[in-house]
Amino acid sequence: MHKPNYLNRDMEEAIEQYCHSARNRTILKLIYLDDLPYERIAEIYDLSPRTIDNIVRKFKDIAPIFR
């Protein structure tokens, strides 16, 4: 299920503004904009799902739009 375009735009802007790691920005976009599951992203980046979860948690702590 895709979100309305204005929400995607807001999410993408927040990711660009608050996430300084290119890898983590891409991971967050795959989660929030493309709805990929953590497990699939973990496979793509050769990371554990727990690492993906940590990236998301840290981002949620600093990005007001995700609080």
Protein backbone atom coordinates (compact mmCIF):
# COMPACT_ATOMS: atom_id res chain seq x y z
CA MET A 1 0.00 0.00 0.00
CA HIS A 2 1.56 3.26 -1.10
CA LYS A 3 1.20 6.51 0.79
CA PRO A 4 -0.10 9.70 -0.86
CA ASN A 5 2.58 11.54 -2.84
CA TYR A 6 2.76 14.46 -0.40
CA LEU A 7 3.61 12.06 2.44
CA ASN A 8 6.30 10.43 0.31
CA ARG A 9 7.75 13.85 -0.44
CA ASP A 10 7.75 14.83 3.25
CA MET A 11 9.35 11.54 4.22
CA GLU A 12 12.00 11.81 1.54
CA GLU A 13 12.84 15.38 2.58
CA ALA A 14 13.13 14.33 6.23
CA ILE A 15 15.39 11.42 5.31
CA GLU A 16 17.62 13.72 3.26
CA GLN A 17 17.74 16.34 6.02
CA TYR A 18 18.32 14.17 9.08
CA CYS A 19 20.27 11.16 7.79
CA HIS A 20 23.87 11.87 6.82
CA SER A 21 24.91 8.37 5.74
CA ALA A 22 24.22 7.61 2.08
CA ARG A 23 23.73 3.91 2.85
CA ASN A 24 21.29 4.62 5.67
CA ARG A 25 19.37 7.13 3.53
CA THR A 26 18.88 4.47 0.90
CA ILE A 27 17.83 1.90 3.52
CA LEU A 28 15.30 4.30 5.01
CA LYS A 29 13.88 5.11 1.58
CA LEU A 30 13.51 1.41 0.81
CA ILE A 31 11.57 1.01 4.05
CA TYR A 32 9.42 4.14 4.07
CA LEU A 33 8.94 4.82 0.37
CA ASP A 34 9.15 1.36 -1.21
CA ASP A 35 7.73 -0.70 1.69
CA LEU A 36 10.48 -3.31 1.57
CA PRO A 37 10.67 -5.53 4.66
CA TYR A 38 13.68 -5.31 6.97
CA GLU A 39 14.70 -8.88 6.13
CA ARG A 40 14.92 -8.18 2.40
CA ILE A 41 16.92 -5.00 2.95
CA ALA A 42 19.22 -6.88 5.32
CA GLU A 43 19.87 -9.44 2.56
CA ILE A 44 20.58 -6.74 -0.01
CA TYR A 45 23.11 -4.96 2.23
CA ASP A 46 24.48 -8.07 3.93
CA LEU A 47 23.38 -6.75 7.33
CA SER A 48 21.29 -8.29 10.08
CA PRO A 49 17.62 -7.30 10.41
CA ARG A 50 18.56 -6.02 13.87
CA THR A 51 21.02 -3.56 12.28
CA ILE A 52 18.25 -2.34 9.99
CA ASP A 53 16.00 -1.92 13.03
CA ASN A 54 18.72 0.09 14.80
CA ILE A 55 19.06 2.40 11.79
CA VAL A 56 15.29 3.00 11.82
CA ARG A 57 15.18 3.59 15.59
CA LYS A 58 18.03 6.11 15.50
CA PHE A 59 16.36 7.94 12.64
CA LYS A 60 13.02 8.06 14.45
CA ASP A 61 14.77 9.57 17.48
CA ILE A 62 16.14 12.52 15.50
CA ALA A 63 13.52 13.16 12.79
CA PRO A 64 10.46 15.05 14.08
CA ILE A 65 8.19 13.85 11.27
CA PHE A 66 8.62 10.24 12.47
CA ARG A 67 7.91 10.86 16.18
